[in-house]
C-alpha cells in the first residue's frame, strides 16, 4: 500500500509518472546526441570528399545486365556500340543540372561532364542515376584522367586481357583515382 502511495505521488494530473519520465530523458538525450554525431560525421565526410570521386552512397555504380561476358563480341567490343545505348544530351544535361544543385557544387554546368561511373564500354548502365555523376572537367583528377582509364580498361576487356567482371570492378571501387594509379603503375 505504501509503495502504491509513493507511486501515486509521482503521478501528475496528466497521468504521467515523473519517475518513468526522468528515466526516459537520458535515453532521449542519448538518441539526440547520436543523431547529432551521425549528422556531423556525414556532413564532415561529404565536405571533405574530393570533387573528383563520386559519393559512393549516391553513385555506387550500376550495371547494364544485357551486357555479359558471353556477348561482348556483339555488344561493347563492336565499334560504335556505346553510341547505341548512350543517353541523349538533353537527358544528361537535365540530370547534371539537378545533381549540381543537390550537391551544391561550385561553378556552372559547363565545368562538369555527366559521367558514367561504370563506363558504357564495360557494360555500365546508360541511364540509371546511380551510375551518373557530375565529373569536374578541370583539376588534379579531371575527367580526362578517368577517360584514359576507361579507354585502357575497355581495350583490355575486348582483347581478353581482363574479364568483363574485372573491368567493371575497377570502376566499382570507392576511389577510381587509386585504381588509375594501380592500373598505370604510378604508385
Foldseek 3Di string as FASTA:
>chain_A
DVVVVVQVVQQDPVRDRVVVVVVCVVVVVVVVVVVVVVVVVVVVCLVPDDLQFDDCVQALFAFQVVDFLVCLVVALLDPPRLVVQADDPVLQLVLAQVQCVVSVPDDDLVQWGWAFLQHVSLGTHRRPSNRTYTHGCDDDNHPVLVVVLLVVLSVCCNVVVDPSVVSRVCSSDRGNVVSSCVVVVVD
